[in-house]
Every structure is written in C-alpha cells, then in structure tokens.
Amino acid sequence: MKTIALLIGALALANASVDLSKVKRIEELDEFWAQLDPQLQMLRPTQALPESKIVNGQEAQPGQFPYQALVLSFFSGGNSGLCGGTVLSQNFVMTAAHCVVIGTEATHGTVVLGAHNRQVVEATQQRIDFASINVHPSYIASLLRNDIATIRLATPAVFNNVVQPIDLPARSDTRTFAGLTGIISGFGRTTDETGSPASDVVMYTSNPILTNADCQSSWNAIIIQAQNICLSGTGGRSVCNGDSGGPLAVRDNDRSLQVGIASFVHASGCASGFPAGFVRVTHYLTWIGENSDVVLRD
C-alpha cells in the first residue's frame, strides 16, 4: 500500500474560501500529459478544449447524487487540479490515481461533498482536507493502468440527505454489466463545443455499458484491458476533461452501484461518439477494502 501522510496545517487555502474558478482540471496541466506513454499521447486534444465535463447531459436535482465528490489536489510547484470522486464511507473518498499523482503525489488537497453548484459555498457543502492518499501500488502513470486511489479525510463526513456513500459490487458479483444503463455525473459545461455556456452545477447523463470486445473495436487491446470498463458514446453523451475520478454507476435493487471510475476519453472530443474508458471497480474490490474502511459484501 502506497500511503502518504499530509500536513493538514499546510493547506494554502482555507476550506471555505477555495476559489474553484482558479483550480485547473487535471487534464489542463502539461505535467499530466508529459508523464503519459507516447501511445497515449494521442488522447491529448490537438486544440484547447473549453471547461467541459458531462456532455449532452442534463442538470441534476440538488442531492440527486449524494455520493458525488469534488476532489481538489494541490501539487508542488504551484499546480492544482480538479477531479471527481465518490463517497465510500464517512472517512474515505475514491478517485482516479492520476487525480492525485502528477509525477509526485499531491502535497495536500480538499474534498467537497454535498455540492450542487461548485462555485458557491452552499450551506449543504462539507469541505474536508485530505489526511492521506492511498495510490494503487501498480499504478502506471504513463499508461493510466491501475488508475485508482482512495483519500482518507481529515475529519469524518456527516451523512445526511445530500451526502451518502455509494454501494460497491459484492465480491461474488461476476457480472460485466455490459448492456446495463450506466449513469455518469459531474460538474461543468453542457457540451465540449468552443464557446458553450458554463454550467457549474452537477450534470448527469446515461448510455449503455459496452462489452470490452466492443470497446476495443473503437480503441485497441493495448488501452482497453480487463481492468477497464467502457461506456458507449452514443448521442455524444460522455464524461469529459475534469470528470476524471468520478463515478460510473448502475441502478441495482433501487440503489446506485458504482462499477467504474472515470479515467480517459478520446482526443476526437468528448461528444464525438467514442466510448469513454473507466477503471473497472470489481477488478479492485480487494484493494479498495484494504485501503479504506468499507466493509465489502461477499
């Protein structure tokens, strides 16, 4: 287990006053792209994309996705990055490894829970510092392989009607989830078209989950492997830059079940119709259990 203790007192910005408009998306940082293998450099857009995340979706109702987290990571050299995440328990949030590691791990960070509008310090929000980061020991930054991390919170989250943990699949769950409707959520613009109007509220959309074979036909077997799960890009509905680390969920027995963690999208554009790539949660259940206080179901 790769864990770092963070100096909470060294947080440069007070929780209540973090200006999210000044925090860049992870994918805006040159340092993020510099660490990728050449075969994944093709994922970098050839021109700057607007601040886009969930594309061709709709605005969520406040509290509709109580498991949604906003992860703000601060790195040495003054870089900062904005990502998504999910509430696992009162003490842990899960996200993508590339959200908290760019060359080196984040020096500190803040998780925002219970937010509907990320640019407003709402009464429902809980802004909690990182206490420590657990990055998968086999994370390969250059290939976005094993792109998963958990964050221990400095103080426990308070569960209420807008902050709740998401369910994880049982250890015995062997489903691939292909054919089920996958639901994605996050903060940002409604399209990835230049000049599109900003939306700072939680957005969401849905599409079918693909088999890995179908996903590989759009990507290839080098990028899409057993530890990945893909969401169809039909209708231009997708996650986009800045949604990394956020949830891919399905409805299971009237509850939300997390089956993926947003990892990458195609350079052709988030609304291009290409499938989006996620970390497959069932592949990492043992690791998640060892690096959080979640009690896994058998």
C-alpha atoms as a PDB file:
ATOM      1  CA  MET A   1       0.000   0.000   0.000  1.00  0.00           C
ATOM      2  CA  LYS A   2       1.368   3.392  -1.037  1.00  0.00           C
ATOM      3  CA  THR A   3       0.308   5.926   1.559  1.00  0.00           C
ATOM      4  CA  ILE A   4       1.464   9.451   2.331  1.00  0.00           C
ATOM      5  CA  ALA A   5       0.634  11.472   5.406  1.00  0.00           C
ATOM      6  CA  LEU A   6      -0.217  15.058   4.542  1.00  0.00           C
ATOM      7  CA  LEU A   7       0.329  18.157   6.635  1.00  0.00           C
ATOM      8  CA  ILE A   8      -3.204  19.424   7.085  1.00  0.00           C
ATOM      9  CA  GLY A   9      -1.985  22.653   8.640  1.00  0.00           C
ATOM     10  CA  ALA A  10      -0.061  23.457   5.473  1.00  0.00           C
ATOM     11  CA  LEU A  11      -3.185  23.803   3.343  1.00  0.00           C
ATOM     12  CA  ALA A  12      -2.627  27.016   1.428  1.00  0.00           C
ATOM     13  CA  LEU A  13      -6.289  27.912   1.069  1.00  0.00           C
ATOM     14  CA  ALA A  14      -8.918  27.783   3.792  1.00  0.00           C
ATOM     15  CA  ASN A  15     -11.668  25.293   3.015  1.00  0.00           C
ATOM     16  CA  ALA A  16     -14.432  27.849   2.969  1.00  0.00           C
ATOM     17  CA  SER A  17     -12.543  30.169   0.609  1.00  0.00           C
ATOM     18  CA  VAL A  18     -11.097  27.841  -2.055  1.00  0.00           C
ATOM     19  CA  ASP A  19     -11.753  29.627  -5.357  1.00  0.00           C
ATOM     20  CA  LEU A  20     -12.691  26.765  -7.665  1.00  0.00           C
ATOM     21  CA  SER A  21     -12.516  29.027 -10.712  1.00  0.00           C
ATOM     22  CA  LYS A  22      -8.753  29.188 -10.217  1.00  0.00           C
ATOM     23  CA  VAL A  23      -8.273  25.417  -9.953  1.00  0.00           C
ATOM     24  CA  LYS A  24      -7.450  23.823 -13.299  1.00  0.00           C
ATOM     25  CA  ARG A  25      -8.747  20.479 -14.489  1.00  0.00           C
ATOM     26  CA  ILE A  26      -6.094  17.779 -14.192  1.00  0.00           C
ATOM     27  CA  GLU A  27      -6.133  17.406 -17.981  1.00  0.00           C
ATOM     28  CA  GLU A  28      -5.146  21.066 -18.426  1.00  0.00           C
ATOM     29  CA  LEU A  29      -1.753  20.505 -16.826  1.00  0.00           C
ATOM     30  CA  ASP A  30       1.196  19.917 -19.163  1.00  0.00           C
ATOM     31  CA  GLU A  31       2.758  17.799 -16.423  1.00  0.00           C
ATOM     32  CA  PHE A  32      -0.143  15.329 -16.682  1.00  0.00           C
ATOM     33  CA  TRP A  33       0.432  14.746 -20.388  1.00  0.00           C
ATOM     34  CA  ALA A  34       4.228  14.662 -20.091  1.00  0.00           C
ATOM     35  CA  GLN A  35       4.071  11.504 -17.970  1.00  0.00           C
ATOM     36  CA  LEU A  36       1.996   9.532 -20.495  1.00  0.00           C
ATOM     37  CA  ASP A  37       3.446   6.921 -22.806  1.00  0.00           C
ATOM     38  CA  PRO A  38       3.631   8.050 -26.486  1.00  0.00           C
ATOM     39  CA  GLN A  39       0.847   5.621 -27.399  1.00  0.00           C
ATOM     40  CA  LEU A  40      -1.487   7.564 -25.108  1.00  0.00           C
ATOM     41  CA  GLN A  41      -0.336  10.998 -26.232  1.00  0.00           C
ATOM     42  CA  MET A  42      -2.965  10.662 -28.958  1.00  0.00           C
ATOM     43  CA  LEU A  43      -5.553  11.221 -26.227  1.00  0.00           C
ATOM     44  CA  ARG A  44      -4.418  14.821 -25.904  1.00  0.00           C
ATOM     45  CA  PRO A  45      -6.677  17.202 -27.809  1.00  0.00           C
ATOM     46  CA  THR A  46      -4.922  18.965 -30.684  1.00  0.00           C
ATOM     47  CA  GLN A  47      -6.573  22.209 -29.632  1.00  0.00           C
ATOM     48  CA  ALA A  48      -7.600  23.575 -26.283  1.00  0.00           C
ATOM     49  CA  LEU A  49     -10.981  22.337 -25.120  1.00  0.00           C
ATOM     50  CA  PRO A  50     -13.329  24.526 -23.104  1.00  0.00           C
ATOM     51  CA  GLU A  51     -14.040  23.720 -19.495  1.00  0.00           C
ATOM     52  CA  SER A  52     -16.171  20.724 -20.371  1.00  0.00           C
ATOM     53  CA  LYS A  53     -17.198  17.714 -18.346  1.00  0.00           C
ATOM     54  CA  ILE A  54     -20.501  15.838 -18.649  1.00  0.00           C
ATOM     55  CA  VAL A  55     -21.524  16.470 -22.270  1.00  0.00           C
ATOM     56  CA  ASN A  56     -25.034  16.282 -23.719  1.00  0.00           C
ATOM     57  CA  GLY A  57     -26.476  15.699 -20.272  1.00  0.00           C
ATOM     58  CA  GLN A  58     -28.895  17.492 -18.011  1.00  0.00           C
ATOM     59  CA  GLU A  59     -28.804  19.262 -14.684  1.00  0.00           C
ATOM     60  CA  ALA A  60     -29.259  17.080 -11.638  1.00  0.00           C
ATOM     61  CA  GLN A  61     -31.622  17.937  -8.828  1.00  0.00           C
ATOM     62  CA  PRO A  62     -29.834  19.087  -5.656  1.00  0.00           C
ATOM     63  CA  GLY A  63     -28.929  15.957  -3.712  1.00  0.00           C
ATOM     64  CA  GLN A  64     -29.731  13.608  -6.621  1.00  0.00           C
ATOM     65  CA  PHE A  65     -26.186  12.198  -6.491  1.00  0.00           C
ATOM     66  CA  PRO A  66     -25.273  12.316  -2.793  1.00  0.00           C
ATOM     67  CA  TYR A  67     -22.209  10.146  -3.429  1.00  0.00           C
ATOM     68  CA  GLN A  68     -20.659  12.698  -5.816  1.00  0.00           C
ATOM     69  CA  ALA A  69     -17.445  14.303  -4.562  1.00  0.00           C
ATOM     70  CA  LEU A  70     -15.270  17.096  -5.904  1.00  0.00           C
ATOM     71  CA  VAL A  71     -11.537  16.442  -5.408  1.00  0.00           C
ATOM     72  CA  LEU A  72      -9.109  19.384  -5.356  1.00  0.00           C
ATOM     73  CA  SER A  73      -5.447  18.349  -5.376  1.00  0.00           C
ATOM     74  CA  PHE A  74      -2.504  20.697  -4.864  1.00  0.00           C
ATOM     75  CA  PHE A  75       0.977  19.791  -6.115  1.00  0.00           C
ATOM     76  CA  SER A  76       4.487  21.096  -5.602  1.00  0.00           C
ATOM     77  CA  GLY A  77       5.356  23.925  -7.956  1.00  0.00           C
ATOM     78  CA  GLY A  78       2.004  25.608  -7.520  1.00  0.00           C
ATOM     79  CA  ASN A  79      -0.058  23.293  -9.751  1.00  0.00           C
ATOM     80  CA  SER A  80      -3.572  22.352  -8.733  1.00  0.00           C
ATOM     81  CA  GLY A  81      -6.129  20.022 -10.275  1.00  0.00           C
ATOM     82  CA  LEU A  82      -9.882  19.457 -10.117  1.00  0.00           C
ATOM     83  CA  CYS A  83     -11.430  15.984 -10.400  1.00  0.00           C
ATOM     84  CA  GLY A  84     -14.460  13.983  -9.412  1.00  0.00           C
ATOM     85  CA  GLY A  85     -14.734  11.257  -6.809  1.00  0.00           C
ATOM     86  CA  THR A  86     -17.199   9.165  -4.829  1.00  0.00           C
ATOM     87  CA  VAL A  87     -18.037   8.847  -1.153  1.00  0.00           C
ATOM     88  CA  LEU A  88     -17.112   5.368   0.125  1.00  0.00           C
ATOM     89  CA  SER A  89     -17.631   5.971   3.834  1.00  0.00           C
ATOM     90  CA  GLN A  90     -17.505   8.761   6.392  1.00  0.00           C
ATOM     91  CA  ASN A  91     -13.718   8.560   6.239  1.00  0.00           C
ATOM     92  CA  PHE A  92     -12.867   7.736   2.615  1.00  0.00           C
ATOM     93  CA  VAL A  93     -13.410   9.023  -0.909  1.00  0.00           C
ATOM     94  CA  MET A  94     -12.365   7.140  -4.059  1.00  0.00           C
ATOM     95  CA  THR A  95     -10.964   8.762  -7.204  1.00  0.00           C
ATOM     96  CA  ALA A  96      -8.543   8.138 -10.088  1.00  0.00           C
ATOM     97  CA  ALA A  97      -4.841   7.861  -9.295  1.00  0.00           C
ATOM     98  CA  HIS A  98      -3.985  10.468 -11.926  1.00  0.00           C
ATOM     99  CA  CYS A  99      -6.065  12.974  -9.951  1.00  0.00           C
ATOM    100  CA  VAL A 100      -3.660  12.833  -7.017  1.00  0.00           C
ATOM    101  CA  VAL A 101      -0.368  11.899  -8.720  1.00  0.00           C
ATOM    102  CA  ILE A 102       1.369  14.021 -11.341  1.00  0.00           C
ATOM    103  CA  GLY A 103       4.992  12.967 -11.182  1.00  0.00           C
ATOM    104  CA  THR A 104       4.715  13.007  -7.393  1.00  0.00           C
ATOM    105  CA  GLU A 105       1.707  12.763  -5.095  1.00  0.00           C
ATOM    106  CA  ALA A 106      -0.303  15.816  -4.165  1.00  0.00           C
ATOM    107  CA  THR A 107       1.129  17.730  -1.231  1.00  0.00           C
ATOM    108  CA  HIS A 108      -2.355  18.478   0.120  1.00  0.00           C
ATOM    109  CA  GLY A 109      -5.945  18.730  -1.002  1.00  0.00           C
ATOM    110  CA  THR A 110      -9.606  19.291  -0.226  1.00  0.00           C
ATOM    111  CA  VAL A 111     -12.692  17.189  -0.895  1.00  0.00           C
ATOM    112  CA  VAL A 112     -16.024  18.992  -1.370  1.00  0.00           C
ATOM    113  CA  LEU A 113     -19.138  16.958  -0.534  1.00  0.00           C
ATOM    114  CA  GLY A 114     -22.807  17.862  -0.784  1.00  0.00           C
ATOM    115  CA  ALA A 115     -22.251  20.443  -3.533  1.00  0.00           C
ATOM    116  CA  HIS A 116     -24.756  21.297  -6.255  1.00  0.00           C
ATOM    117  CA  ASN A 117     -23.082  24.470  -7.546  1.00  0.00           C
ATOM    118  CA  ARG A 118     -19.326  24.158  -7.214  1.00  0.00           C
ATOM    119  CA  GLN A 119     -18.728  27.911  -7.458  1.00  0.00           C
ATOM    120  CA  VAL A 120     -20.892  28.716  -4.431  1.00  0.00           C
ATOM    121  CA  VAL A 121     -20.134  27.886  -0.797  1.00  0.00           C
ATOM    122  CA  GLU A 122     -23.530  26.312  -0.208  1.00  0.00           C
ATOM    123  CA  ALA A 123     -24.873  25.522   3.250  1.00  0.00           C
ATOM    124  CA  THR A 124     -25.055  21.852   2.212  1.00  0.00           C
ATOM    125  CA  GLN A 125     -21.357  21.621   1.400  1.00  0.00           C
ATOM    126  CA  GLN A 126     -18.754  19.905   3.525  1.00  0.00           C
ATOM    127  CA  ARG A 127     -15.175  20.893   2.646  1.00  0.00           C
ATOM    128  CA  ILE A 128     -12.750  18.463   4.228  1.00  0.00           C
ATOM    129  CA  ASP A 129      -8.956  18.313   3.893  1.00  0.00           C
ATOM    130  CA  PHE A 130      -7.035  15.239   2.804  1.00  0.00           C
ATOM    131  CA  ALA A 131      -5.480  13.305   5.687  1.00  0.00           C
ATOM    132  CA  SER A 132      -3.683  10.778   3.476  1.00  0.00           C
ATOM    133  CA  ILE A 133      -3.674   9.319  -0.025  1.00  0.00           C
ATOM    134  CA  ASN A 134      -3.551   5.640  -0.978  1.00  0.00           C
ATOM    135  CA  VAL A 135      -2.445   5.063  -4.575  1.00  0.00           C
ATOM    136  CA  HIS A 136      -2.582   1.608  -6.146  1.00  0.00           C
ATOM    137  CA  PRO A 137       0.978   0.215  -5.901  1.00  0.00           C
ATOM    138  CA  SER A 138       0.863  -0.929  -9.535  1.00  0.00           C
ATOM    139  CA  TYR A 139      -0.351   2.383 -10.918  1.00  0.00           C
ATOM    140  CA  ILE A 140       1.458   3.099 -14.173  1.00  0.00           C
ATOM    141  CA  ALA A 141       1.020   6.780 -14.912  1.00  0.00           C
ATOM    142  CA  SER A 142       2.322   6.504 -18.472  1.00  0.00           C
ATOM    143  CA  LEU A 143      -0.438   4.039 -19.416  1.00  0.00           C
ATOM    144  CA  LEU A 144      -3.163   5.099 -16.949  1.00  0.00           C
ATOM    145  CA  ARG A 145      -3.035   1.490 -15.776  1.00  0.00           C
ATOM    146  CA  ASN A 146      -4.494   0.654 -12.316  1.00  0.00           C
ATOM    147  CA  ASP A 147      -5.738   4.248 -12.229  1.00  0.00           C
ATOM    148  CA  ILE A 148      -7.326   4.159  -8.770  1.00  0.00           C
ATOM    149  CA  ALA A 149      -6.740   5.846  -5.410  1.00  0.00           C
ATOM    150  CA  THR A 150      -8.513   6.409  -2.121  1.00  0.00           C
ATOM    151  CA  ILE A 151      -8.335   9.512   0.060  1.00  0.00           C
ATOM    152  CA  ARG A 152      -8.684   9.435   3.832  1.00  0.00           C
ATOM    153  CA  LEU A 153     -10.497  12.502   5.104  1.00  0.00           C
ATOM    154  CA  ALA A 154      -9.047  14.572   7.945  1.00  0.00           C
ATOM    155  CA  THR A 155     -12.429  14.640   9.689  1.00  0.00           C
ATOM    156  CA  PRO A 156     -15.373  12.301   9.139  1.00  0.00           C
ATOM    157  CA  ALA A 157     -18.072  13.352   6.703  1.00  0.00           C
ATOM    158  CA  VAL A 158     -21.545  13.852   8.127  1.00  0.00           C
ATOM    159  CA  PHE A 159     -24.116  11.761   6.306  1.00  0.00           C
ATOM    160  CA  ASN A 160     -27.425  13.429   5.513  1.00  0.00           C
ATOM    161  CA  ASN A 161     -29.833  13.676   2.586  1.00  0.00           C
ATOM    162  CA  VAL A 162     -27.167  15.188   0.274  1.00  0.00           C
ATOM    163  CA  VAL A 163     -24.068  13.253   1.424  1.00  0.00           C
ATOM    164  CA  GLN A 164     -24.258   9.459   1.298  1.00  0.00           C
ATOM    165  CA  PRO A 165     -21.887   6.614   0.347  1.00  0.00           C
ATOM    166  CA  ILE A 166     -22.286   4.732  -2.902  1.00  0.00           C
ATOM    167  CA  ASP A 167     -22.673   0.946  -2.935  1.00  0.00           C
ATOM    168  CA  LEU A 168     -19.927  -1.272  -4.343  1.00  0.00           C
ATOM    169  CA  PRO A 169     -20.488  -4.654  -6.021  1.00  0.00           C
ATOM    170  CA  ALA A 170     -20.239  -7.758  -3.838  1.00  0.00           C
ATOM    171  CA  ARG A 171     -17.078  -9.850  -4.072  1.00  0.00           C
ATOM    172  CA  SER A 172     -19.175 -12.632  -5.625  1.00  0.00           C
ATOM    173  CA  ASP A 173     -20.611 -10.346  -8.319  1.00  0.00           C
ATOM    174  CA  THR A 174     -19.212 -11.691 -11.616  1.00  0.00           C
ATOM    175  CA  ARG A 175     -21.303  -9.519 -13.925  1.00  0.00           C
ATOM    176  CA  THR A 176     -19.560  -7.499 -16.634  1.00  0.00           C
ATOM    177  CA  PHE A 177     -22.506  -5.036 -16.534  1.00  0.00           C
ATOM    178  CA  ALA A 178     -22.461  -4.912 -20.351  1.00  0.00           C
ATOM    179  CA  GLY A 179     -25.858  -3.923 -21.697  1.00  0.00           C
ATOM    180  CA  LEU A 180     -26.923  -2.179 -18.486  1.00  0.00           C
ATOM    181  CA  THR A 181     -27.518   1.562 -18.443  1.00  0.00           C
ATOM    182  CA  GLY A 182     -24.530   3.375 -16.982  1.00  0.00           C
ATOM    183  CA  ILE A 183     -25.064   6.727 -15.250  1.00  0.00           C
ATOM    184  CA  ILE A 184     -22.281   9.329 -15.112  1.00  0.00           C
ATOM    185  CA  SER A 185     -22.279  12.581 -13.154  1.00  0.00           C
ATOM    186  CA  GLY A 186     -20.010  15.550 -12.617  1.00  0.00           C
ATOM    187  CA  PHE A 187     -19.558  19.320 -12.732  1.00  0.00           C
ATOM    188  CA  GLY A 188     -19.076  21.540 -15.781  1.00  0.00           C
ATOM    189  CA  ARG A 189     -20.239  22.664 -19.206  1.00  0.00           C
ATOM    190  CA  THR A 190     -23.083  21.011 -21.076  1.00  0.00           C
ATOM    191  CA  THR A 191     -21.124  20.449 -24.327  1.00  0.00           C
ATOM    192  CA  ASP A 192     -17.498  20.349 -25.432  1.00  0.00           C
ATOM    193  CA  GLU A 193     -18.077  22.890 -28.189  1.00  0.00           C
ATOM    194  CA  THR A 194     -15.962  26.029 -28.083  1.00  0.00           C
ATOM    195  CA  GLY A 195     -17.920  28.889 -26.583  1.00  0.00           C
ATOM    196  CA  SER A 196     -20.536  26.710 -24.928  1.00  0.00           C
ATOM    197  CA  PRO A 197     -22.157  28.300 -21.866  1.00  0.00           C
ATOM    198  CA  ALA A 198     -20.724  27.400 -18.492  1.00  0.00           C
ATOM    199  CA  SER A 199     -22.610  25.239 -16.040  1.00  0.00           C
ATOM    200  CA  ASP A 200     -21.199  24.929 -12.560  1.00  0.00           C
ATOM    201  CA  VAL A 201     -23.904  22.615 -11.264  1.00  0.00           C
ATOM    202  CA  VAL A 202     -23.915  18.817 -11.138  1.00  0.00           C
ATOM    203  CA  MET A 203     -24.738  17.384 -14.566  1.00  0.00           C
ATOM    204  CA  TYR A 204     -25.519  13.792 -15.493  1.00  0.00           C
ATOM    205  CA  THR A 205     -26.302  11.560 -18.441  1.00  0.00           C
ATOM    206  CA  SER A 206     -26.515   7.872 -19.302  1.00  0.00           C
ATOM    207  CA  ASN A 207     -25.655   5.357 -22.019  1.00  0.00           C
ATOM    208  CA  PRO A 208     -25.278   1.583 -22.343  1.00  0.00           C
ATOM    209  CA  ILE A 209     -22.200  -0.093 -20.879  1.00  0.00           C
ATOM    210  CA  LEU A 210     -20.237  -1.947 -23.570  1.00  0.00           C
ATOM    211  CA  THR A 211     -18.516  -5.301 -23.626  1.00  0.00           C
ATOM    212  CA  ASN A 212     -14.733  -4.897 -23.607  1.00  0.00           C
ATOM    213  CA  ALA A 213     -14.614  -6.517 -27.053  1.00  0.00           C
ATOM    214  CA  ASP A 214     -16.909  -3.843 -28.460  1.00  0.00           C
ATOM    215  CA  CYS A 215     -14.907  -1.152 -26.722  1.00  0.00           C
ATOM    216  CA  GLN A 216     -11.643  -2.496 -28.136  1.00  0.00           C
ATOM    217  CA  SER A 217     -13.082  -2.203 -31.633  1.00  0.00           C
ATOM    218  CA  SER A 218     -13.167   1.572 -31.084  1.00  0.00           C
ATOM    219  CA  TRP A 219      -9.896   1.754 -29.157  1.00  0.00           C
ATOM    220  CA  ASN A 220      -7.499  -1.235 -29.049  1.00  0.00           C
ATOM    221  CA  ALA A 221      -6.410  -4.075 -26.771  1.00  0.00           C
ATOM    222  CA  ILE A 222      -3.407  -2.095 -25.507  1.00  0.00           C
ATOM    223  CA  ILE A 223      -5.533   0.666 -23.998  1.00  0.00           C
ATOM    224  CA  ILE A 224      -8.674  -1.310 -23.080  1.00  0.00           C
ATOM    225  CA  GLN A 225      -7.818  -4.259 -20.831  1.00  0.00           C
ATOM    226  CA  ALA A 226      -9.590  -6.464 -18.296  1.00  0.00           C
ATOM    227  CA  GLN A 227      -9.294  -3.801 -15.592  1.00  0.00           C
ATOM    228  CA  ASN A 228     -11.260  -1.344 -17.737  1.00  0.00           C
ATOM    229  CA  ILE A 229     -14.979  -0.896 -18.360  1.00  0.00           C
ATOM    230  CA  CYS A 230     -16.417   1.297 -21.112  1.00  0.00           C
ATOM    231  CA  LEU A 231     -19.489   3.433 -21.595  1.00  0.00           C
ATOM    232  CA  SER A 232     -20.956   3.917 -25.061  1.00  0.00           C
ATOM    233  CA  GLY A 233     -20.612   7.408 -26.518  1.00  0.00           C
ATOM    234  CA  THR A 234     -23.933   7.200 -28.375  1.00  0.00           C
ATOM    235  CA  GLY A 235     -25.552  10.579 -28.865  1.00  0.00           C
ATOM    236  CA  GLY A 236     -22.348  12.341 -27.834  1.00  0.00           C
ATOM    237  CA  ARG A 237     -23.162  11.625 -24.190  1.00  0.00           C
ATOM    238  CA  SER A 238     -19.977  11.200 -22.173  1.00  0.00           C
ATOM    239  CA  VAL A 239     -17.698  12.279 -19.385  1.00  0.00           C
ATOM    240  CA  CYS A 240     -15.082  14.838 -20.367  1.00  0.00           C
ATOM    241  CA  ASN A 241     -11.963  16.626 -19.167  1.00  0.00           C
ATOM    242  CA  GLY A 242     -12.302  17.352 -15.475  1.00  0.00           C
ATOM    243  CA  ASP A 243     -14.628  14.436 -14.685  1.00  0.00           C
ATOM    244  CA  SER A 244     -11.713  12.082 -14.030  1.00  0.00           C
ATOM    245  CA  GLY A 245     -12.169  10.050 -10.862  1.00  0.00           C
ATOM    246  CA  GLY A 246     -15.943  10.389 -10.947  1.00  0.00           C
ATOM    247  CA  PRO A 247     -18.485   7.559 -10.894  1.00  0.00           C
ATOM    248  CA  LEU A 248     -19.945   5.227 -13.475  1.00  0.00           C
ATOM    249  CA  ALA A 249     -22.988   3.765 -11.726  1.00  0.00           C
ATOM    250  CA  VAL A 250     -25.877   1.416 -12.467  1.00  0.00           C
ATOM    251  CA  ARG A 251     -29.198   1.040 -10.685  1.00  0.00           C
ATOM    252  CA  ASP A 252     -29.265  -2.223  -8.746  1.00  0.00           C
ATOM    253  CA  ASN A 253     -32.154  -3.108  -6.401  1.00  0.00           C
ATOM    254  CA  ASP A 254     -33.197   0.555  -6.395  1.00  0.00           C
ATOM    255  CA  ARG A 255     -29.745   1.688  -5.238  1.00  0.00           C
ATOM    256  CA  SER A 256     -26.759   3.168  -7.059  1.00  0.00           C
ATOM    257  CA  LEU A 257     -23.917   0.682  -7.565  1.00  0.00           C
ATOM    258  CA  GLN A 258     -20.526   2.010  -8.659  1.00  0.00           C
ATOM    259  CA  VAL A 259     -18.979  -0.104 -11.422  1.00  0.00           C
ATOM    260  CA  GLY A 260     -16.422   2.337 -12.851  1.00  0.00           C
ATOM    261  CA  ILE A 261     -14.121   5.298 -12.169  1.00  0.00           C
ATOM    262  CA  ALA A 262     -13.728   7.851 -14.977  1.00  0.00           C
ATOM    263  CA  SER A 263     -10.235   7.558 -16.446  1.00  0.00           C
ATOM    264  CA  PHE A 264      -9.965   8.770 -20.072  1.00  0.00           C
ATOM    265  CA  VAL A 265     -11.809   9.946 -23.180  1.00  0.00           C
ATOM    266  CA  HIS A 266     -10.892  10.106 -26.863  1.00  0.00           C
ATOM    267  CA  ALA A 267      -8.964  13.010 -28.374  1.00  0.00           C
ATOM    268  CA  SER A 268     -11.623  13.395 -31.074  1.00  0.00           C
ATOM    269  CA  GLY A 269     -13.778  15.108 -28.475  1.00  0.00           C
ATOM    270  CA  CYS A 270     -15.948  14.133 -25.580  1.00  0.00           C
ATOM    271  CA  ALA A 271     -19.067  14.371 -27.750  1.00  0.00           C
ATOM    272  CA  SER A 272     -17.516  12.517 -30.702  1.00  0.00           C
ATOM    273  CA  GLY A 273     -19.331   9.249 -30.024  1.00  0.00           C
ATOM    274  CA  PHE A 274     -16.234   7.295 -28.970  1.00  0.00           C
ATOM    275  CA  PRO A 275     -16.618   5.185 -25.799  1.00  0.00           C
ATOM    276  CA  ALA A 276     -15.181   6.589 -22.572  1.00  0.00           C
ATOM    277  CA  GLY A 277     -12.759   4.459 -20.545  1.00  0.00           C
ATOM    278  CA  PHE A 278     -13.237   3.740 -16.834  1.00  0.00           C
ATOM    279  CA  VAL A 279     -11.481   1.717 -14.149  1.00  0.00           C
ATOM    280  CA  ARG A 280     -13.477  -1.485 -13.529  1.00  0.00           C
ATOM    281  CA  VAL A 281     -14.358  -1.440  -9.819  1.00  0.00           C
ATOM    282  CA  THR A 282     -14.914  -5.205  -9.491  1.00  0.00           C
ATOM    283  CA  HIS A 283     -11.296  -5.746 -10.538  1.00  0.00           C
ATOM    284  CA  TYR A 284     -10.114  -3.811  -7.461  1.00  0.00           C
ATOM    285  CA  LEU A 285     -12.530  -4.749  -4.680  1.00  0.00           C
ATOM    286  CA  THR A 286      -9.876  -6.409  -2.511  1.00  0.00           C
ATOM    287  CA  TRP A 287      -7.572  -3.414  -2.866  1.00  0.00           C
ATOM    288  CA  ILE A 288     -10.395  -0.991  -2.067  1.00  0.00           C
ATOM    289  CA  GLY A 289     -11.230  -2.970   1.064  1.00  0.00           C
ATOM    290  CA  GLU A 290      -7.586  -2.888   2.164  1.00  0.00           C
ATOM    291  CA  ASN A 291      -7.234   0.826   1.521  1.00  0.00           C
ATOM    292  CA  SER A 292     -10.421   2.111   3.095  1.00  0.00           C
ATOM    293  CA  ASP A 293     -12.765   1.157   5.917  1.00  0.00           C
ATOM    294  CA  VAL A 294     -15.504  -0.080   3.572  1.00  0.00           C
ATOM    295  CA  VAL A 295     -16.967  -3.422   4.595  1.00  0.00           C
ATOM    296  CA  LEU A 296     -17.265  -5.367   1.346  1.00  0.00           C
ATOM    297  CA  ARG A 297     -20.193  -7.661   0.740  1.00  0.00           C
ATOM    298  CA  ASP A 298     -19.450 -11.301  -0.024  1.00  0.00           C
END
